[in-house]
Protein backbone atom coordinates (compact mmCIF):
# COMPACT_ATOMS: atom_id res chain seq x y z
CA MET A 1 -34.45 -40.91 16.37
CA LYS A 2 -33.19 -39.73 13.39
CA VAL A 3 -34.54 -39.53 9.60
CA VAL A 4 -32.78 -37.82 6.72
CA GLY A 5 -35.30 -37.72 4.15
CA MET A 6 -34.61 -36.68 0.09
CA ALA A 7 -36.28 -36.98 -3.18
CA GLY A 8 -35.06 -38.43 -6.23
CA SER A 9 -36.28 -34.84 -8.13
CA LEU A 10 -34.51 -31.72 -9.19
CA HIS A 11 -38.53 -30.07 -9.89
CA THR A 12 -39.80 -28.48 -6.04
CA GLY A 13 -43.31 -29.13 -7.08
CA SER A 14 -43.11 -32.52 -8.53
CA PHE A 15 -45.27 -35.32 -7.17
CA ILE A 16 -41.88 -37.10 -5.54
CA ASN A 17 -41.48 -33.92 -3.66
CA ARG A 18 -44.43 -33.97 -2.69
CA LEU A 19 -44.52 -37.80 -1.44
CA LEU A 20 -41.22 -37.11 0.60
CA GLU A 21 -43.22 -34.06 2.59
CA ALA A 22 -45.98 -36.97 2.79
CA VAL A 23 -44.38 -39.41 4.09
CA GLY A 24 -42.56 -37.35 6.47
CA ARG A 25 -45.65 -36.50 8.35
CA GLU A 26 -46.30 -40.11 8.80
CA LEU A 27 -43.49 -40.37 10.73
CA PRO A 28 -44.00 -41.15 14.94
CA PRO A 29 -43.87 -37.48 16.79
CA GLU A 30 -40.30 -38.94 18.61
CA ALA A 31 -38.95 -39.23 14.98
CA GLY A 32 -36.87 -36.07 14.17
CA PHE A 33 -36.93 -35.59 10.18
CA THR A 34 -34.75 -33.58 8.27
CA ARG A 35 -35.50 -33.30 4.25
CA TRP A 36 -32.27 -32.54 2.50
CA PRO A 37 -32.93 -30.36 -0.51
CA GLY A 38 -29.47 -29.96 -1.65
CA LEU A 39 -29.38 -32.49 -4.46
CA ALA A 40 -29.33 -29.86 -7.77
CA THR A 41 -25.91 -28.91 -6.45
CA VAL A 42 -23.72 -32.19 -5.62
CA PRO A 43 -21.43 -32.45 -8.41
CA PRO A 44 -20.21 -36.34 -9.84
CA TYR A 45 -17.68 -38.22 -7.52
CA VAL A 46 -14.05 -37.94 -7.63
CA PRO A 47 -11.31 -39.15 -5.70
CA GLY A 48 -10.01 -36.84 -3.18
CA PRO A 49 -11.42 -34.39 -0.76
CA VAL A 50 -15.40 -34.17 -0.29
CA PRO A 51 -16.71 -30.44 -1.76
CA GLY A 52 -19.48 -28.62 0.25
CA PRO A 53 -23.07 -29.86 -1.04
CA ALA A 54 -21.64 -33.60 -0.53
CA LEU A 55 -19.96 -33.37 2.92
CA GLU A 56 -23.65 -31.58 4.32
CA LEU A 57 -25.47 -34.54 3.08
CA VAL A 58 -22.97 -37.14 3.99
CA ARG A 59 -22.69 -36.01 7.76
CA LEU A 60 -26.18 -35.70 7.65
CA VAL A 61 -26.65 -39.17 7.23
CA ASP A 62 -23.76 -40.00 9.09
CA GLN A 63 -25.52 -38.58 12.09
CA ALA A 64 -28.93 -40.34 11.00
CA ASP A 65 -30.50 -43.29 11.86
CA GLY A 66 -32.17 -43.85 9.19
CA LEU A 67 -32.37 -42.46 5.20
CA LEU A 68 -35.87 -42.16 3.09
CA LEU A 69 -35.84 -41.72 -0.51
CA THR A 70 -38.53 -40.89 -3.33
CA ALA A 71 -37.84 -42.22 -6.84
CA PRO A 72 -39.44 -40.87 -9.98
CA GLU A 73 -41.10 -43.49 -12.35
CA HIS A 74 -38.65 -43.17 -14.67
CA SER A 75 -35.83 -45.86 -15.45
CA LEU A 76 -32.99 -43.15 -15.73
CA LEU A 77 -32.29 -42.10 -12.43
CA PRO A 78 -31.57 -37.82 -12.24
CA ALA A 79 -27.56 -37.71 -12.90
CA GLU A 80 -27.50 -35.40 -9.17
CA LEU A 81 -29.10 -39.13 -7.42
CA GLY A 82 -25.82 -40.80 -8.77
CA HIS A 83 -23.59 -38.49 -7.67
CA ALA A 84 -25.12 -38.26 -4.44
CA LEU A 85 -25.11 -42.17 -3.60
CA ARG A 86 -21.63 -42.36 -4.40
CA TRP A 87 -20.16 -39.79 -2.25
CA LEU A 88 -22.30 -41.60 0.16
CA THR A 89 -20.60 -44.98 -0.65
CA ALA A 90 -17.07 -43.19 -0.56
CA ALA A 91 -17.71 -42.00 2.71
CA GLY A 92 -18.92 -45.08 4.18
CA VAL A 93 -22.35 -43.68 5.60
CA LEU A 94 -24.39 -46.02 4.22
CA ALA A 95 -23.15 -49.29 5.85
CA GLY A 96 -26.15 -50.61 8.11
CA LYS A 97 -27.93 -47.86 7.60
CA HIS A 98 -31.66 -48.31 7.22
CA VAL A 99 -32.79 -47.09 4.29
CA ALA A 100 -36.61 -46.64 3.00
CA VAL A 101 -37.27 -46.54 -0.71
CA LEU A 102 -40.29 -45.65 -2.12
CA SER A 103 -41.52 -44.83 -5.82
CA ALA A 104 -44.48 -43.80 -7.18
CA SER A 105 -46.35 -44.84 -10.88
CA VAL A 106 -49.89 -44.61 -12.58
CA ARG A 107 -49.17 -47.71 -14.05
CA ALA A 108 -48.74 -51.05 -11.91
CA CYS A 109 -44.43 -51.65 -12.11
CA GLY A 110 -44.17 -48.21 -13.81
CA ALA A 111 -41.50 -47.18 -10.97
CA MET A 112 -40.24 -50.60 -10.92
CA TRP A 113 -36.59 -50.06 -12.61
CA ALA A 114 -36.03 -46.85 -10.79
CA GLN A 115 -36.96 -49.17 -7.68
CA ALA A 116 -34.77 -51.81 -8.41
CA GLU A 117 -31.79 -49.75 -9.59
CA LEU A 118 -31.63 -47.35 -5.98
CA CYS A 119 -32.19 -50.48 -4.09
CA THR A 120 -29.29 -52.12 -6.02
CA GLN A 121 -26.77 -49.18 -5.61
CA LEU A 122 -27.78 -49.12 -1.67
CA ALA A 123 -27.46 -52.46 -0.83
CA GLY A 124 -24.01 -52.91 -2.33
CA ALA A 125 -23.13 -49.69 -0.25
CA GLY A 126 -24.32 -52.16 2.55
CA ALA A 127 -27.12 -49.82 3.53
CA VAL A 128 -30.76 -52.07 5.26
CA VAL A 129 -33.18 -51.28 2.08
CA THR A 130 -36.85 -51.37 2.66
CA GLY A 131 -39.36 -49.84 0.63
CA THR A 132 -42.53 -50.18 -1.54
CA GLU A 133 -44.24 -49.28 -4.59
CA LEU A 134 -46.91 -47.30 -4.77
CA VAL A 135 -49.52 -47.62 -7.92
CA LEU A 136 -51.31 -44.36 -8.20
CA SER A 137 -55.04 -43.38 -9.34
CA PRO A 138 -54.59 -40.85 -12.43
CA SER A 139 -58.12 -39.30 -11.81
CA CYS A 140 -58.03 -38.49 -7.65
CA PRO A 141 -56.41 -35.48 -6.26
CA HIS A 142 -53.44 -37.25 -4.36
CA PHE A 143 -52.61 -34.59 -1.89
CA ASP A 144 -54.92 -33.49 1.30
CA ALA A 145 -54.65 -29.79 2.24
CA GLN A 146 -52.14 -30.58 4.97
CA GLY A 147 -50.17 -32.27 2.15
CA LEU A 148 -51.17 -36.32 3.28
CA LEU A 149 -51.84 -38.46 1.09
CA THR A 150 -55.93 -38.90 0.43
CA ALA A 151 -56.37 -42.29 -0.69
CA ARG A 152 -55.82 -44.71 2.68
CA TYR A 153 -54.67 -47.66 0.61
CA LEU A 154 -51.98 -45.35 -0.13
CA ARG A 155 -51.41 -44.13 3.19
CA ASP A 156 -51.45 -47.81 4.80
CA GLN A 157 -48.76 -48.66 1.79
CA VAL A 158 -46.71 -45.99 3.20
CA ARG A 159 -47.25 -46.70 7.55
CA ASP A 160 -46.06 -50.31 6.89
CA VAL A 161 -42.53 -48.88 5.36
CA VAL A 162 -42.31 -46.44 8.36
CA ASP A 163 -43.15 -49.11 10.73
CA ARG A 164 -40.06 -50.91 9.01
CA LEU A 165 -37.63 -47.99 9.37
CA CYS A 166 -38.82 -46.99 12.55
CA PRO A 167 -38.07 -49.35 16.09
CA ALA A 168 -41.18 -50.19 17.56
CA SER A 169 -39.47 -48.25 20.79
CA VAL A 170 -39.93 -44.81 18.75
CA ARG A 171 -42.86 -45.93 16.59
CA GLU A 172 -44.91 -46.52 20.33
CA PRO A 173 -45.08 -44.18 23.11
CA VAL A 174 -43.50 -45.85 26.53
CA ARG A 175 -45.89 -46.67 28.53
CA GLU A 176 -45.62 -46.60 32.33
CA PRO A 177 -46.97 -49.20 34.12
CA VAL A 178 -50.57 -48.97 35.85
CA ARG A 179 -49.81 -49.32 39.72
CA GLU A 180 -52.81 -49.82 41.90
CA PRO A 181 -52.78 -47.40 45.20
CA VAL A 182 -51.65 -49.10 48.18
CA ARG A 183 -54.70 -50.37 50.31
CA GLU A 184 -55.23 -51.23 54.14
CA PRO A 185 -56.41 -55.02 54.29
CA VAL A 186 -59.32 -54.86 55.47
CA ARG A 187 -60.27 -56.13 58.85
CA GLU A 188 -62.85 -58.05 60.40
CA PRO A 189 -64.03 -56.46 62.82
CA VAL A 190 -63.39 -58.88 66.34
CA ARG A 191 -66.30 -60.49 67.50
CA GLU A 192 -66.63 -61.12 71.32
CA PRO A 193 -67.57 -64.76 72.49
CA VAL A 194 -71.46 -65.39 72.48
CA ARG A 195 -72.12 -66.08 76.56
CA GLU A 196 -74.94 -68.15 78.14
CA PRO A 197 -76.33 -66.06 81.03
CA VAL A 198 -76.09 -67.10 83.96
CA LEU A 199 -79.12 -68.52 85.87
CA SER A 200 -80.36 -67.60 89.15
CA ALA A 201 -80.77 -70.81 91.77
């Protein structure tokens, strides 16, 4: 399975970019993960030939089995993210595509509008959309030295989304059935019948 990741932020070190990397690390080893970093270069959509930066994204998504998006808390999404979604929609590569959207906020429902807007656009393009909003603690470090989410409850939420994005055949390794060695049947020893002794006359 191939998954393409895209962060809805133009700032390389932003939480949303780091969240995308963390979610990518939660994907099964059998799932190939490619992060697309070209959001800042996508021009506004206009009918006609697809320009280079948008064409790269269109080809990646077209060849992928799933798309993973991380959205910012703000109600207004970056204009470039809207451009990217319009190019993908016009190319028809989102139809039937499985897409997971994750957003994050330190306030409950803080990213609700961004999440809702993204899901509306993706569903309108025919995508199969799933996702969740992560509510963060403002006082704790969110990532460890390996870039993974530190809070167990956040990782559980992320893994739940990953489970919905990736089919079971990818999530769980195929195990060969355990075969018992062929054993020869146990044979009982042949016992001679007991004979009475011959008595002399």
